[in-house]
Amino acid sequence: MESVVTPLWTRRSSRCDNDHCVTVSRRNQGVDVFDSILPRTVLSFSDSSWRAFLLDLETRTARTARTGRRA
């Protein structure tokens, strides 16, 4: 039997198209990402992996803004 861990906080994407949304839940040791279409499918990330993803996203977004090209 799986134990249920209550997230510290949960954030649903603010831009949803026909209820196709992404939800991110913060846990003690990382982050879980859910898709509203397949809510039982969870991508789990450690803190360090999540931070690396966000830093890479920030870098790519900044590069795209400067050049006007896709990252």
N, C-alpha and C. Protein backbone atom coordinates (compact mmCIF):
# COMPACT_ATOMS: atom_id res chain seq x y z
N MET A 1 0.84 -1.19 0.00
CA MET A 1 0.00 0.00 0.00
C MET A 1 0.88 1.24 0.00
N GLU A 2 0.58 2.19 -0.90
CA GLU A 2 1.35 3.43 -1.01
C GLU A 2 0.95 4.40 0.08
N SER A 3 1.95 5.10 0.63
CA SER A 3 1.63 6.14 1.58
C SER A 3 1.41 7.45 0.80
N VAL A 4 0.46 8.23 1.26
CA VAL A 4 0.13 9.49 0.59
C VAL A 4 0.88 10.61 1.30
N VAL A 5 1.61 11.40 0.52
CA VAL A 5 2.34 12.54 1.08
C VAL A 5 1.61 13.81 0.69
N THR A 6 1.23 14.58 1.68
CA THR A 6 0.54 15.84 1.42
C THR A 6 1.57 16.88 0.98
N PRO A 7 1.33 17.52 -0.16
CA PRO A 7 2.29 18.52 -0.64
C PRO A 7 2.31 19.75 0.26
N LEU A 8 3.45 20.45 0.28
CA LEU A 8 3.57 21.69 1.04
C LEU A 8 2.76 22.80 0.38
N TRP A 9 2.74 22.82 -0.94
CA TRP A 9 1.90 23.73 -1.72
C TRP A 9 1.69 23.16 -3.10
N THR A 10 0.67 23.63 -3.78
CA THR A 10 0.35 23.20 -5.14
C THR A 10 -0.03 24.42 -5.96
N ARG A 11 0.46 24.44 -7.20
CA ARG A 11 0.17 25.56 -8.11
C ARG A 11 -0.29 25.00 -9.45
N ARG A 12 -1.42 25.44 -9.92
CA ARG A 12 -1.94 25.04 -11.23
C ARG A 12 -1.59 26.14 -12.23
N SER A 13 -1.23 25.73 -13.44
CA SER A 13 -0.86 26.72 -14.45
C SER A 13 -1.99 27.72 -14.65
N SER A 14 -1.62 28.97 -14.86
CA SER A 14 -2.64 30.02 -15.01
C SER A 14 -3.17 30.10 -16.44
N ARG A 15 -2.49 29.46 -17.36
CA ARG A 15 -2.95 29.46 -18.75
C ARG A 15 -3.32 28.03 -19.14
N CYS A 16 -4.59 27.77 -19.08
CA CYS A 16 -5.09 26.43 -19.40
C CYS A 16 -5.96 26.52 -20.66
N ASP A 17 -5.83 25.54 -21.51
CA ASP A 17 -6.60 25.49 -22.73
C ASP A 17 -7.53 24.28 -22.65
N ASN A 18 -8.83 24.53 -22.51
CA ASN A 18 -9.82 23.44 -22.40
C ASN A 18 -9.47 22.47 -21.27
N ASP A 19 -9.10 23.01 -20.14
CA ASP A 19 -8.74 22.23 -18.95
C ASP A 19 -7.50 21.36 -19.15
N HIS A 20 -6.67 21.68 -20.12
CA HIS A 20 -5.39 21.01 -20.30
C HIS A 20 -4.38 21.82 -19.51
N CYS A 21 -4.13 21.41 -18.29
CA CYS A 21 -3.32 22.20 -17.38
C CYS A 21 -2.18 21.37 -16.79
N VAL A 22 -1.21 22.08 -16.27
CA VAL A 22 -0.11 21.45 -15.56
C VAL A 22 -0.19 21.92 -14.11
N THR A 23 -0.01 20.98 -13.19
CA THR A 23 -0.02 21.29 -11.77
C THR A 23 1.32 20.89 -11.18
N VAL A 24 1.88 21.77 -10.37
CA VAL A 24 3.15 21.50 -9.71
C VAL A 24 2.90 21.48 -8.21
N SER A 25 3.36 20.43 -7.55
CA SER A 25 3.21 20.32 -6.10
C SER A 25 4.59 20.20 -5.46
N ARG A 26 4.82 21.01 -4.45
CA ARG A 26 6.09 21.00 -3.72
C ARG A 26 6.02 19.98 -2.60
N ARG A 27 7.01 19.12 -2.53
CA ARG A 27 7.15 18.15 -1.44
C ARG A 27 8.36 18.53 -0.60
N ASN A 28 8.59 17.81 0.47
CA ASN A 28 9.76 18.09 1.32
C ASN A 28 11.06 17.91 0.56
N GLN A 29 11.15 16.91 -0.31
CA GLN A 29 12.40 16.59 -0.98
C GLN A 29 12.38 16.84 -2.48
N GLY A 30 11.41 17.59 -2.99
CA GLY A 30 11.37 17.81 -4.42
C GLY A 30 10.03 18.33 -4.90
N VAL A 31 9.75 18.05 -6.17
CA VAL A 31 8.56 18.58 -6.84
C VAL A 31 7.91 17.48 -7.65
N ASP A 32 6.58 17.45 -7.66
CA ASP A 32 5.81 16.55 -8.51
C ASP A 32 5.07 17.39 -9.53
N VAL A 33 5.06 16.94 -10.79
CA VAL A 33 4.35 17.64 -11.86
C VAL A 33 3.29 16.70 -12.41
N PHE A 34 2.06 17.21 -12.51
CA PHE A 34 0.91 16.44 -12.98
C PHE A 34 0.33 17.09 -14.22
N ASP A 35 -0.26 16.30 -15.08
CA ASP A 35 -0.99 16.78 -16.25
C ASP A 35 -2.47 16.56 -15.96
N SER A 36 -3.31 17.57 -16.20
CA SER A 36 -4.73 17.44 -15.88
C SER A 36 -5.42 16.35 -16.70
N ILE A 37 -4.88 16.04 -17.87
CA ILE A 37 -5.48 15.00 -18.70
C ILE A 37 -5.19 13.60 -18.13
N LEU A 38 -4.00 13.42 -17.58
CA LEU A 38 -3.59 12.13 -16.99
C LEU A 38 -3.12 12.37 -15.56
N PRO A 39 -4.03 12.70 -14.64
CA PRO A 39 -3.62 13.11 -13.29
C PRO A 39 -2.88 12.03 -12.48
N ARG A 40 -3.02 10.78 -12.86
CA ARG A 40 -2.31 9.73 -12.13
C ARG A 40 -0.87 9.56 -12.62
N THR A 41 -0.55 10.24 -13.72
CA THR A 41 0.82 10.22 -14.24
C THR A 41 1.57 11.37 -13.59
N VAL A 42 2.61 11.04 -12.85
CA VAL A 42 3.36 12.04 -12.09
C VAL A 42 4.82 12.00 -12.51
N LEU A 43 5.37 13.17 -12.76
CA LEU A 43 6.81 13.30 -12.95
C LEU A 43 7.37 13.87 -11.66
N SER A 44 8.29 13.15 -11.03
CA SER A 44 8.88 13.60 -9.77
C SER A 44 10.32 14.03 -9.99
N PHE A 45 10.67 15.18 -9.41
CA PHE A 45 12.01 15.73 -9.55
C PHE A 45 12.60 16.01 -8.17
N SER A 46 13.88 15.75 -8.04
CA SER A 46 14.58 16.14 -6.81
C SER A 46 14.72 17.66 -6.82
N ASP A 47 15.04 18.23 -5.66
CA ASP A 47 15.24 19.68 -5.60
C ASP A 47 16.29 20.15 -6.59
N SER A 48 17.42 19.45 -6.64
CA SER A 48 18.51 19.89 -7.52
C SER A 48 18.12 19.78 -9.00
N SER A 49 17.41 18.73 -9.37
CA SER A 49 16.96 18.58 -10.76
C SER A 49 15.95 19.66 -11.14
N TRP A 50 15.03 19.98 -10.25
CA TRP A 50 14.03 21.00 -10.51
C TRP A 50 14.68 22.37 -10.67
N ARG A 51 15.63 22.68 -9.77
CA ARG A 51 16.35 23.96 -9.87
C ARG A 51 17.12 24.06 -11.18
N ALA A 52 17.77 22.98 -11.57
CA ALA A 52 18.52 22.97 -12.84
C ALA A 52 17.56 23.20 -14.02
N PHE A 53 16.40 22.57 -13.99
CA PHE A 53 15.40 22.77 -15.04
C PHE A 53 14.96 24.23 -15.10
N LEU A 54 14.66 24.83 -13.95
CA LEU A 54 14.21 26.21 -13.92
C LEU A 54 15.30 27.17 -14.39
N LEU A 55 16.55 26.93 -14.00
CA LEU A 55 17.65 27.77 -14.46
C LEU A 55 17.84 27.67 -15.96
N ASP A 56 17.74 26.46 -16.50
CA ASP A 56 17.86 26.27 -17.94
C ASP A 56 16.72 26.97 -18.67
N LEU A 57 15.52 26.85 -18.15
CA LEU A 57 14.36 27.51 -18.74
C LEU A 57 14.54 29.03 -18.72
N GLU A 58 15.02 29.56 -17.60
CA GLU A 58 15.25 31.00 -17.49
C GLU A 58 16.29 31.46 -18.51
N THR A 59 17.36 30.70 -18.67
CA THR A 59 18.40 31.04 -19.63
C THR A 59 17.86 31.03 -21.05
N ARG A 60 17.12 29.99 -21.38
CA ARG A 60 16.55 29.89 -22.74
C ARG A 60 15.54 31.00 -22.99
N THR A 61 14.74 31.34 -22.00
CA THR A 61 13.75 32.40 -22.14
C THR A 61 14.43 33.75 -22.35
N ALA A 62 15.48 34.01 -21.58
CA ALA A 62 16.21 35.26 -21.72
C ALA A 62 16.87 35.34 -23.09
N ARG A 63 17.45 34.25 -23.56
CA ARG A 63 18.09 34.22 -24.88
C ARG A 63 17.06 34.48 -25.97
N THR A 64 15.90 33.88 -25.84
CA THR A 64 14.84 34.07 -26.83
C THR A 64 14.37 35.52 -26.84
N ALA A 65 14.25 36.12 -25.67
CA ALA A 65 13.82 37.51 -25.59
C ALA A 65 14.85 38.45 -26.24
N ARG A 66 16.13 38.16 -26.05
CA ARG A 66 17.18 39.02 -26.63
C ARG A 66 17.26 38.88 -28.14
N THR A 67 17.15 37.66 -28.63
CA THR A 67 17.36 37.42 -30.06
C THR A 67 16.08 37.38 -30.87
N GLY A 68 14.96 37.20 -30.19
CA GLY A 68 13.70 37.08 -30.89
C GLY A 68 13.55 35.73 -31.60
N ARG A 69 14.47 34.82 -31.32
CA ARG A 69 14.43 33.48 -31.92
C ARG A 69 14.06 32.46 -30.87
N ARG A 70 13.63 31.32 -31.34
CA ARG A 70 13.27 30.22 -30.44
C ARG A 70 14.53 29.69 -29.77
N ALA A 71 14.37 29.25 -28.52
CA ALA A 71 15.51 28.69 -27.76
C ALA A 71 15.85 27.31 -28.22
